[in-house]
Amino acid sequence: MKRSRRKFLRLLAVGSAAAIASPAAALAAVAKKKPVRAAKPAPPAADAAPALPAAVAAEIAKQKGTVAGALKAVRGYALPPGSDMAFTFRPVRSRRKARTP
């Protein structure tokens, strides 16, 4: 059976529209049928970290003090205007390994 081009295009358009509309209709039907549940209450928050032993807490405090002192010294150092940069990044090319036969 021979069909005209116009009928073929109409059939193609109708089929495409049906294919696009079908999932949307199915999703709408599923969305309507799903019962809405109440949100579960959040579990009670546990301690973020267990209590540290006194020696560990003292060492952490000591290290924080040392870091704070070093940062204060670095930030307090006045550089003269127009001074050179501390370092310049220059990528190094990797050496190619010799091919072994």
Protein backbone atom coordinates (compact mmCIF):
# COMPACT_ATOMS: atom_id res chain seq x y z
CA MET A 1 0.00 0.00 0.00
CA LYS A 2 1.54 3.28 -1.11
CA ARG A 3 1.17 6.31 1.15
CA SER A 4 1.62 9.93 0.28
CA ARG A 5 4.37 11.98 1.83
CA ARG A 6 1.81 14.21 3.56
CA LYS A 7 0.11 11.24 5.26
CA PHE A 8 3.48 9.85 6.29
CA LEU A 9 4.51 13.15 7.90
CA ARG A 10 1.15 13.43 9.66
CA LEU A 11 1.55 9.89 11.01
CA LEU A 12 5.06 10.71 12.16
CA ALA A 13 3.90 13.91 13.91
CA VAL A 14 1.01 12.17 15.66
CA GLY A 15 3.26 9.32 16.79
CA SER A 16 5.88 11.74 18.11
CA ALA A 17 3.25 13.75 19.98
CA ALA A 18 1.85 10.57 21.51
CA ALA A 19 5.32 9.40 22.53
CA ILE A 20 6.06 12.74 24.19
CA ALA A 21 2.69 12.99 25.93
CA SER A 22 2.63 9.40 27.14
CA PRO A 23 5.43 9.60 29.73
CA ALA A 24 4.15 12.96 30.97
CA ALA A 25 0.66 11.55 31.48
CA ALA A 26 2.07 8.50 33.25
CA LEU A 27 4.18 10.68 35.55
CA ALA A 28 1.20 12.87 36.36
CA ALA A 29 -0.89 9.79 37.23
CA VAL A 30 1.86 8.38 39.45
CA ALA A 31 2.32 11.72 41.18
CA LYS A 32 -1.37 11.89 42.00
CA LYS A 33 -1.52 8.31 43.34
CA LYS A 34 1.46 8.58 45.70
CA PRO A 35 0.42 9.19 49.29
CA VAL A 36 2.20 12.04 50.98
CA ARG A 37 4.17 10.88 54.00
CA ALA A 38 5.09 13.04 56.90
CA ALA A 39 8.78 13.74 57.13
CA LYS A 40 10.64 11.61 59.62
CA PRO A 41 12.09 13.55 62.51
CA ALA A 42 15.83 13.95 62.34
CA PRO A 43 17.77 11.63 64.63
CA PRO A 44 19.22 13.32 67.67
CA ALA A 45 22.56 14.91 66.87
CA ALA A 46 25.47 12.96 68.23
CA ASP A 47 28.57 14.70 69.52
CA ALA A 48 30.69 15.87 66.59
CA ALA A 49 33.83 14.48 68.18
CA PRO A 50 34.36 12.38 71.26
CA ALA A 51 35.99 14.06 74.23
CA LEU A 52 39.76 14.19 73.89
CA PRO A 53 42.12 13.13 76.66
CA ALA A 54 43.68 16.05 78.56
CA ALA A 55 47.17 15.40 77.13
CA VAL A 56 45.90 15.48 73.54
CA ALA A 57 43.87 18.63 74.14
CA ALA A 58 46.91 20.32 75.71
CA GLU A 59 49.14 19.36 72.76
CA ILE A 60 46.58 20.70 70.24
CA ALA A 61 46.37 23.97 72.16
CA LYS A 62 50.19 24.18 72.21
CA GLN A 63 50.40 23.59 68.44
CA LYS A 64 47.68 26.18 67.75
CA GLY A 65 49.66 28.70 69.78
CA THR A 66 52.84 27.91 67.85
CA VAL A 67 51.08 28.31 64.49
CA ALA A 68 49.48 31.57 65.63
CA GLY A 69 52.88 32.91 66.67
CA ALA A 70 54.47 31.95 63.35
CA LEU A 71 51.63 33.59 61.40
CA LYS A 72 51.95 36.74 63.47
CA ALA A 73 55.68 36.91 62.71
CA VAL A 74 55.20 36.34 58.98
CA ARG A 75 52.35 38.83 58.69
CA GLY A 76 54.21 41.40 60.77
CA TYR A 77 57.30 41.37 58.55
CA ALA A 78 57.32 44.51 56.42
CA LEU A 79 58.57 44.10 52.86
CA PRO A 80 60.13 47.11 51.20
CA PRO A 81 58.21 48.39 48.15
CA GLY A 82 59.34 46.81 44.89
CA SER A 83 61.08 43.88 46.56
CA ASP A 84 61.63 40.64 44.66
CA MET A 85 59.20 37.78 44.92
CA ALA A 86 60.11 35.00 47.31
CA PHE A 87 60.02 32.41 44.55
CA THR A 88 58.93 31.92 40.97
CA PHE A 89 57.33 28.73 39.76
CA ARG A 90 59.03 27.29 36.73
CA PRO A 91 57.78 23.92 35.54
CA VAL A 92 60.48 21.38 34.81
CA ARG A 93 60.13 19.19 31.76
CA SER A 94 60.16 15.51 32.46
CA ARG A 95 62.96 13.46 31.03
CA ARG A 96 61.97 10.93 28.46
CA LYS A 97 63.11 7.44 29.17
CA ALA A 98 65.13 5.75 26.51
CA ARG A 99 63.14 3.12 24.68
CA THR A 100 64.35 -0.41 25.10
CA PRO A 101 63.76 -2.77 22.19
